[in-house]
Amino acid sequence: MLGRVELALALAPPDAGVPMHELNTAGTVVHCGRPAGYLQDRLTVLREVALFARAQARAVIWH
């Protein structure tokens, strides 16, 4: 897992985010978007999980 996360961090372009989209003029939101950098933030957290698991000699199980 650690190798794959580090590869993704190395290869993924900076996440520009996704703007919020509205359905109609009344302002009904259908997609809340994603802030810039979200992908890198999540990958960094996954890297921390993998490093902790390795230090504790534990497996990471992904469902």
C-alpha atoms as a PDB file:
ATOM      1  CA  MET A   1       0.000   0.000   0.000  1.00  0.00           C
ATOM      2  CA  LEU A   2       2.764   2.404   0.910  1.00  0.00           C
ATOM      3  CA  GLY A   3       4.424   2.002  -2.476  1.00  0.00           C
ATOM      4  CA  ARG A   4       1.209   2.678  -4.341  1.00  0.00           C
ATOM      5  CA  VAL A   5       0.355   5.744  -2.264  1.00  0.00           C
ATOM      6  CA  GLU A   6       3.847   7.167  -2.711  1.00  0.00           C
ATOM      7  CA  LEU A   7       3.649   6.500  -6.443  1.00  0.00           C
ATOM      8  CA  ALA A   8       0.303   8.304  -6.616  1.00  0.00           C
ATOM      9  CA  LEU A   9       1.745  11.246  -4.666  1.00  0.00           C
ATOM     10  CA  ALA A  10       4.696  11.415  -7.057  1.00  0.00           C
ATOM     11  CA  LEU A  11       2.670  11.147 -10.264  1.00  0.00           C
ATOM     12  CA  ALA A  12      -0.624  12.861  -9.521  1.00  0.00           C
ATOM     13  CA  PRO A  13      -0.793  16.430 -10.793  1.00  0.00           C
ATOM     14  CA  PRO A  14      -1.792  19.079  -8.245  1.00  0.00           C
ATOM     15  CA  ASP A  15      -5.515  18.715  -7.547  1.00  0.00           C
ATOM     16  CA  ALA A  16      -7.225  21.879  -8.741  1.00  0.00           C
ATOM     17  CA  GLY A  17     -10.483  20.845  -7.084  1.00  0.00           C
ATOM     18  CA  VAL A  18     -13.983  20.771  -8.516  1.00  0.00           C
ATOM     19  CA  PRO A  19     -16.276  23.786  -8.405  1.00  0.00           C
ATOM     20  CA  MET A  20     -19.722  23.607  -6.843  1.00  0.00           C
ATOM     21  CA  HIS A  21     -22.589  23.166  -9.326  1.00  0.00           C
ATOM     22  CA  GLU A  22     -26.127  24.453  -8.871  1.00  0.00           C
ATOM     23  CA  LEU A  23     -29.271  22.873 -10.293  1.00  0.00           C
ATOM     24  CA  ASN A  24     -31.458  25.947 -10.735  1.00  0.00           C
ATOM     25  CA  THR A  25     -31.773  29.693 -10.149  1.00  0.00           C
ATOM     26  CA  ALA A  26     -33.180  29.053  -6.663  1.00  0.00           C
ATOM     27  CA  GLY A  27     -29.717  27.834  -5.703  1.00  0.00           C
ATOM     28  CA  THR A  28     -30.419  24.158  -5.207  1.00  0.00           C
ATOM     29  CA  VAL A  29     -26.995  22.545  -4.920  1.00  0.00           C
ATOM     30  CA  VAL A  30     -26.493  19.181  -6.583  1.00  0.00           C
ATOM     31  CA  HIS A  31     -22.719  18.819  -6.163  1.00  0.00           C
ATOM     32  CA  CYS A  32     -20.760  20.453  -3.377  1.00  0.00           C
ATOM     33  CA  GLY A  33     -17.461  20.252  -5.234  1.00  0.00           C
ATOM     34  CA  ARG A  34     -14.052  19.444  -3.841  1.00  0.00           C
ATOM     35  CA  PRO A  35     -11.469  21.898  -2.504  1.00  0.00           C
ATOM     36  CA  ALA A  36      -8.119  22.292  -4.243  1.00  0.00           C
ATOM     37  CA  GLY A  37      -5.508  19.907  -2.888  1.00  0.00           C
ATOM     38  CA  TYR A  38      -8.046  17.371  -1.614  1.00  0.00           C
ATOM     39  CA  LEU A  39      -6.470  14.415  -3.421  1.00  0.00           C
ATOM     40  CA  GLN A  40      -2.994  15.157  -2.066  1.00  0.00           C
ATOM     41  CA  ASP A  41      -4.434  15.589   1.451  1.00  0.00           C
ATOM     42  CA  ARG A  42      -6.154  12.178   1.322  1.00  0.00           C
ATOM     43  CA  LEU A  43      -3.076  10.484  -0.124  1.00  0.00           C
ATOM     44  CA  THR A  44      -0.951  12.002   2.653  1.00  0.00           C
ATOM     45  CA  VAL A  45      -3.317  10.566   5.280  1.00  0.00           C
ATOM     46  CA  LEU A  46      -3.183   7.143   3.592  1.00  0.00           C
ATOM     47  CA  ARG A  47       0.627   7.353   3.611  1.00  0.00           C
ATOM     48  CA  GLU A  48       0.547   8.024   7.364  1.00  0.00           C
ATOM     49  CA  VAL A  49      -1.699   4.974   7.883  1.00  0.00           C
ATOM     50  CA  ALA A  50       0.668   2.794   5.851  1.00  0.00           C
ATOM     51  CA  LEU A  51       3.736   4.060   7.745  1.00  0.00           C
ATOM     52  CA  PHE A  52       2.037   3.462  11.099  1.00  0.00           C
ATOM     53  CA  ALA A  53       1.001  -0.042  10.073  1.00  0.00           C
ATOM     54  CA  ARG A  54       4.529  -0.843   8.935  1.00  0.00           C
ATOM     55  CA  ALA A  55       6.008   0.460  12.198  1.00  0.00           C
ATOM     56  CA  GLN A  56       3.550  -1.722  14.148  1.00  0.00           C
ATOM     57  CA  ALA A  57       4.101  -4.751  11.880  1.00  0.00           C
ATOM     58  CA  ARG A  58       0.404  -4.722  10.980  1.00  0.00           C
ATOM     59  CA  ALA A  59      -1.420  -5.301   7.731  1.00  0.00           C
ATOM     60  CA  VAL A  60      -3.702  -2.756   6.116  1.00  0.00           C
ATOM     61  CA  ILE A  61      -6.887  -4.322   4.774  1.00  0.00           C
ATOM     62  CA  TRP A  62      -8.840  -2.376   2.190  1.00  0.00           C
ATOM     63  CA  HIS A  63     -12.492  -3.225   1.513  1.00  0.00           C
END
